[in-house]
Amino acid sequence: MFYSDPRDPRLFVLRRSGLGLTLNFGHPSARLALLGLFGALALVTTLATLLAALT
């Protein structure tokens, strides 16, 4: 489930059901945060693959 409210100033909001937080996709910084998360994941995966190939 996605939460998108451009008028809500919070980047992370409480989930309506269950525990935890979700990203407010209406916030301008949400896309940047998501891009950074996927970039970090790609970097770690690439480095792990390179290190495995060297050993």
PDB file of N, CA and C in Angstrom:
ATOM      1  N   MET A   1       0.837  -1.165   0.000  1.00  0.00           N
ATOM      2  CA  MET A   1       0.000   0.000   0.000  1.00  0.00           C
ATOM      3  C   MET A   1       0.892   1.241   0.000  1.00  0.00           C
ATOM      4  N   PHE A   2       0.525   2.234  -0.784  1.00  0.00           N
ATOM      5  CA  PHE A   2       1.293   3.464  -0.889  1.00  0.00           C
ATOM      6  C   PHE A   2       0.540   4.604  -0.219  1.00  0.00           C
ATOM      7  N   TYR A   3       1.296   5.511   0.371  1.00  0.00           N
ATOM      8  CA  TYR A   3       0.726   6.710   0.961  1.00  0.00           C
ATOM      9  C   TYR A   3       1.261   7.902   0.185  1.00  0.00           C
ATOM     10  N   SER A   4       0.387   8.736  -0.306  1.00  0.00           N
ATOM     11  CA  SER A   4       0.801   9.911  -1.063  1.00  0.00           C
ATOM     12  C   SER A   4      -0.107  11.083  -0.703  1.00  0.00           C
ATOM     13  N   ASP A   5       0.465  12.049  -0.006  1.00  0.00           N
ATOM     14  CA  ASP A   5      -0.262  13.270   0.346  1.00  0.00           C
ATOM     15  C   ASP A   5       0.722  14.426   0.276  1.00  0.00           C
ATOM     16  N   PRO A   6       0.708  15.184  -0.813  1.00  0.00           N
ATOM     17  CA  PRO A   6       1.659  16.287  -0.963  1.00  0.00           C
ATOM     18  C   PRO A   6       1.506  17.375   0.101  1.00  0.00           C
ATOM     19  N   ARG A   7       0.354  17.459   0.735  1.00  0.00           N
ATOM     20  CA  ARG A   7       0.145  18.473   1.779  1.00  0.00           C
ATOM     21  C   ARG A   7       0.696  18.054   3.127  1.00  0.00           C
ATOM     22  N   ASP A   8       0.991  16.764   3.292  1.00  0.00           N
ATOM     23  CA  ASP A   8       1.540  16.246   4.541  1.00  0.00           C
ATOM     24  C   ASP A   8       3.040  16.505   4.568  1.00  0.00           C
ATOM     25  N   PRO A   9       3.566  17.239   5.553  1.00  0.00           N
ATOM     26  CA  PRO A   9       4.989  17.576   5.566  1.00  0.00           C
ATOM     27  C   PRO A   9       5.901  16.431   6.007  1.00  0.00           C
ATOM     28  N   ARG A  10       5.332  15.342   6.499  1.00  0.00           N
ATOM     29  CA  ARG A  10       6.155  14.233   6.998  1.00  0.00           C
ATOM     30  C   ARG A  10       6.659  13.364   5.854  1.00  0.00           C
ATOM     31  N   LEU A  11       7.933  12.966   5.925  1.00  0.00           N
ATOM     32  CA  LEU A  11       8.504  12.060   4.931  1.00  0.00           C
ATOM     33  C   LEU A  11       8.107  10.624   5.233  1.00  0.00           C
ATOM     34  N   PHE A  12       8.144  10.247   6.509  1.00  0.00           N
ATOM     35  CA  PHE A  12       7.717   8.918   6.946  1.00  0.00           C
ATOM     36  C   PHE A  12       6.466   9.055   7.798  1.00  0.00           C
ATOM     37  N   VAL A  13       5.485   8.204   7.554  1.00  0.00           N
ATOM     38  CA  VAL A  13       4.231   8.223   8.305  1.00  0.00           C
ATOM     39  C   VAL A  13       3.963   6.827   8.862  1.00  0.00           C
ATOM     40  N   LEU A  14       3.190   6.779   9.947  1.00  0.00           N
ATOM     41  CA  LEU A  14       2.816   5.491  10.517  1.00  0.00           C
ATOM     42  C   LEU A  14       1.876   4.763   9.569  1.00  0.00           C
ATOM     43  N   ARG A  15       2.021   3.464   9.492  1.00  0.00           N
ATOM     44  CA  ARG A  15       1.123   2.660   8.650  1.00  0.00           C
ATOM     45  C   ARG A  15      -0.263   2.651   9.272  1.00  0.00           C
ATOM     46  N   ARG A  16      -1.267   2.563   8.431  1.00  0.00           N
ATOM     47  CA  ARG A  16      -2.645   2.506   8.935  1.00  0.00           C
ATOM     48  C   ARG A  16      -2.960   1.136   9.517  1.00  0.00           C
ATOM     49  N   SER A  17      -2.340   0.104   8.971  1.00  0.00           N
ATOM     50  CA  SER A  17      -2.550  -1.243   9.492  1.00  0.00           C
ATOM     51  C   SER A  17      -1.192  -1.870   9.762  1.00  0.00           C
ATOM     52  N   GLY A  18      -1.056  -2.503  10.886  1.00  0.00           N
ATOM     53  CA  GLY A  18       0.207  -3.138  11.234  1.00  0.00           C
ATOM     54  C   GLY A  18       1.175  -2.164  11.879  1.00  0.00           C
ATOM     55  N   LEU A  19       2.385  -2.641  12.062  1.00  0.00           N
ATOM     56  CA  LEU A  19       3.411  -1.836  12.701  1.00  0.00           C
ATOM     57  C   LEU A  19       4.369  -1.271  11.681  1.00  0.00           C
ATOM     58  N   GLY A  20       5.012  -0.189  12.026  1.00  0.00           N
ATOM     59  CA  GLY A  20       6.071   0.336  11.186  1.00  0.00           C
ATOM     60  C   GLY A  20       5.714   1.656  10.514  1.00  0.00           C
ATOM     61  N   LEU A  21       6.618   2.057   9.658  1.00  0.00           N
ATOM     62  CA  LEU A  21       6.484   3.315   8.936  1.00  0.00           C
ATOM     63  C   LEU A  21       6.422   3.054   7.440  1.00  0.00           C
ATOM     64  N   THR A  22       5.875   4.002   6.724  1.00  0.00           N
ATOM     65  CA  THR A  22       5.864   3.944   5.272  1.00  0.00           C
ATOM     66  C   THR A  22       6.282   5.307   4.730  1.00  0.00           C
ATOM     67  N   LEU A  23       6.714   5.330   3.517  1.00  0.00           N
ATOM     68  CA  LEU A  23       7.199   6.544   2.877  1.00  0.00           C
ATOM     69  C   LEU A  23       6.020   7.330   2.307  1.00  0.00           C
ATOM     70  N   ASN A  24       6.020   8.637   2.512  1.00  0.00           N
ATOM     71  CA  ASN A  24       5.006   9.507   1.925  1.00  0.00           C
ATOM     72  C   ASN A  24       5.473   9.876   0.519  1.00  0.00           C
ATOM     73  N   PHE A  25       4.931   9.226  -0.491  1.00  0.00           N
ATOM     74  CA  PHE A  25       5.371   9.436  -1.869  1.00  0.00           C
ATOM     75  C   PHE A  25       4.950  10.794  -2.418  1.00  0.00           C
ATOM     76  N   GLY A  26       4.136  11.531  -1.694  1.00  0.00           N
ATOM     77  CA  GLY A  26       3.780  12.876  -2.097  1.00  0.00           C
ATOM     78  C   GLY A  26       4.806  13.912  -1.655  1.00  0.00           C
ATOM     79  N   HIS A  27       5.696  13.530  -0.760  1.00  0.00           N
ATOM     80  CA  HIS A  27       6.739  14.442  -0.268  1.00  0.00           C
ATOM     81  C   HIS A  27       7.838  14.560  -1.321  1.00  0.00           C
ATOM     82  N   PRO A  28       8.355  15.774  -1.556  1.00  0.00           N
ATOM     83  CA  PRO A  28       9.380  15.951  -2.597  1.00  0.00           C
ATOM     84  C   PRO A  28      10.651  15.124  -2.373  1.00  0.00           C
ATOM     85  N   SER A  29      11.013  14.865  -1.131  1.00  0.00           N
ATOM     86  CA  SER A  29      12.240  14.120  -0.846  1.00  0.00           C
ATOM     87  C   SER A  29      12.065  12.610  -0.935  1.00  0.00           C
ATOM     88  N   ALA A  30      10.839  12.135  -1.103  1.00  0.00           N
ATOM     89  CA  ALA A  30      10.593  10.691  -1.109  1.00  0.00           C
ATOM     90  C   ALA A  30      11.278  10.009  -2.286  1.00  0.00           C
ATOM     91  N   ARG A  31      11.213  10.611  -3.445  1.00  0.00           N
ATOM     92  CA  ARG A  31      11.855  10.004  -4.621  1.00  0.00           C
ATOM     93  C   ARG A  31      13.367   9.957  -4.442  1.00  0.00           C
ATOM     94  N   LEU A  32      13.922  11.007  -3.860  1.00  0.00           N
ATOM     95  CA  LEU A  32      15.355  11.046  -3.611  1.00  0.00           C
ATOM     96  C   LEU A  32      15.759   9.976  -2.597  1.00  0.00           C
ATOM     97  N   ALA A  33      14.964   9.792  -1.547  1.00  0.00           N
ATOM     98  CA  ALA A  33      15.245   8.766  -0.539  1.00  0.00           C
ATOM     99  C   ALA A  33      15.161   7.370  -1.155  1.00  0.00           C
ATOM    100  N   LEU A  34      14.171   7.147  -1.993  1.00  0.00           N
ATOM    101  CA  LEU A  34      14.011   5.845  -2.644  1.00  0.00           C
ATOM    102  C   LEU A  34      15.148   5.578  -3.622  1.00  0.00           C
ATOM    103  N   LEU A  35      15.544   6.588  -4.363  1.00  0.00           N
ATOM    104  CA  LEU A  35      16.661   6.456  -5.293  1.00  0.00           C
ATOM    105  C   LEU A  35      17.957   6.156  -4.534  1.00  0.00           C
ATOM    106  N   GLY A  36      18.169   6.825  -3.416  1.00  0.00           N
ATOM    107  CA  GLY A  36      19.354   6.563  -2.598  1.00  0.00           C
ATOM    108  C   GLY A  36      19.370   5.150  -2.041  1.00  0.00           C
ATOM    109  N   LEU A  37      18.212   4.663  -1.629  1.00  0.00           N
ATOM    110  CA  LEU A  37      18.118   3.302  -1.105  1.00  0.00           C
ATOM    111  C   LEU A  37      18.455   2.273  -2.179  1.00  0.00           C
ATOM    112  N   PHE A  38      17.878   2.436  -3.373  1.00  0.00           N
ATOM    113  CA  PHE A  38      18.166   1.496  -4.457  1.00  0.00           C
ATOM    114  C   PHE A  38      19.607   1.621  -4.944  1.00  0.00           C
ATOM    115  N   GLY A  39      20.149   2.830  -4.920  1.00  0.00           N
ATOM    116  CA  GLY A  39      21.548   3.030  -5.296  1.00  0.00           C
ATOM    117  C   GLY A  39      22.491   2.335  -4.332  1.00  0.00           C
ATOM    118  N   ALA A  40      22.208   2.447  -3.039  1.00  0.00           N
ATOM    119  CA  ALA A  40      23.035   1.786  -2.035  1.00  0.00           C
ATOM    120  C   ALA A  40      22.944   0.265  -2.182  1.00  0.00           C
ATOM    121  N   LEU A  41      21.760  -0.235  -2.450  1.00  0.00           N
ATOM    122  CA  LEU A  41      21.573  -1.672  -2.643  1.00  0.00           C
ATOM    123  C   LEU A  41      22.348  -2.163  -3.866  1.00  0.00           C
ATOM    124  N   ALA A  42      22.306  -1.399  -4.949  1.00  0.00           N
ATOM    125  CA  ALA A  42      23.042  -1.770  -6.159  1.00  0.00           C
ATOM    126  C   ALA A  42      24.545  -1.740  -5.915  1.00  0.00           C
ATOM    127  N   LEU A  43      25.012  -0.758  -5.157  1.00  0.00           N
ATOM    128  CA  LEU A  43      26.439  -0.650  -4.850  1.00  0.00           C
ATOM    129  C   LEU A  43      26.919  -1.836  -4.013  1.00  0.00           C
ATOM    130  N   VAL A  44      26.168  -2.192  -2.989  1.00  0.00           N
ATOM    131  CA  VAL A  44      26.543  -3.324  -2.138  1.00  0.00           C
ATOM    132  C   VAL A  44      26.536  -4.620  -2.939  1.00  0.00           C
ATOM    133  N   THR A  45      25.533  -4.802  -3.796  1.00  0.00           N
ATOM    134  CA  THR A  45      25.454  -6.014  -4.622  1.00  0.00           C
ATOM    135  C   THR A  45      26.631  -6.094  -5.585  1.00  0.00           C
ATOM    136  N   THR A  46      26.969  -4.981  -6.199  1.00  0.00           N
ATOM    137  CA  THR A  46      28.098  -4.946  -7.137  1.00  0.00           C
ATOM    138  C   THR A  46      29.413  -5.234  -6.427  1.00  0.00           C
ATOM    139  N   LEU A  47      29.622  -4.609  -5.281  1.00  0.00           N
ATOM    140  CA  LEU A  47      30.860  -4.842  -4.539  1.00  0.00           C
ATOM    141  C   LEU A  47      30.968  -6.289  -4.059  1.00  0.00           C
ATOM    142  N   ALA A  48      29.865  -6.868  -3.607  1.00  0.00           N
ATOM    143  CA  ALA A  48      29.887  -8.260  -3.162  1.00  0.00           C
ATOM    144  C   ALA A  48      30.211  -9.192  -4.324  1.00  0.00           C
ATOM    145  N   THR A  49      29.669  -8.912  -5.497  1.00  0.00           N
ATOM    146  CA  THR A  49      29.942  -9.730  -6.674  1.00  0.00           C
ATOM    147  C   THR A  49      31.411  -9.623  -7.080  1.00  0.00           C
ATOM    148  N   LEU A  50      31.952  -8.413  -7.053  1.00  0.00           N
ATOM    149  CA  LEU A  50      33.357  -8.215  -7.409  1.00  0.00           C
ATOM    150  C   LEU A  50      34.297  -8.892  -6.410  1.00  0.00           C
ATOM    151  N   LEU A  51      33.977  -8.775  -5.127  1.00  0.00           N
ATOM    152  CA  LEU A  51      34.816  -9.420  -4.117  1.00  0.00           C
ATOM    153  C   LEU A  51      34.751 -10.938  -4.218  1.00  0.00           C
ATOM    154  N   ALA A  52      33.587 -11.474  -4.541  1.00  0.00           N
ATOM    155  CA  ALA A  52      33.448 -12.924  -4.698  1.00  0.00           C
ATOM    156  C   ALA A  52      34.234 -13.402  -5.912  1.00  0.00           C
ATOM    157  N   ALA A  53      34.302 -12.589  -6.953  1.00  0.00           N
ATOM    158  CA  ALA A  53      35.032 -12.980  -8.152  1.00  0.00           C
ATOM    159  C   ALA A  53      36.543 -12.946  -7.928  1.00  0.00           C
ATOM    160  N   LEU A  54      36.994 -12.105  -7.019  1.00  0.00           N
ATOM    161  CA  LEU A  54      38.423 -11.989  -6.755  1.00  0.00           C
ATOM    162  C   LEU A  54      38.956 -13.091  -5.839  1.00  0.00           C
ATOM    163  N   THR A  55      38.081 -13.731  -5.105  1.00  0.00           N
ATOM    164  CA  THR A  55      38.544 -14.773  -4.168  1.00  0.00           C
ATOM    165  C   THR A  55      38.388 -16.157  -4.730  1.00  0.00           C
TER     166      THR A  55
END
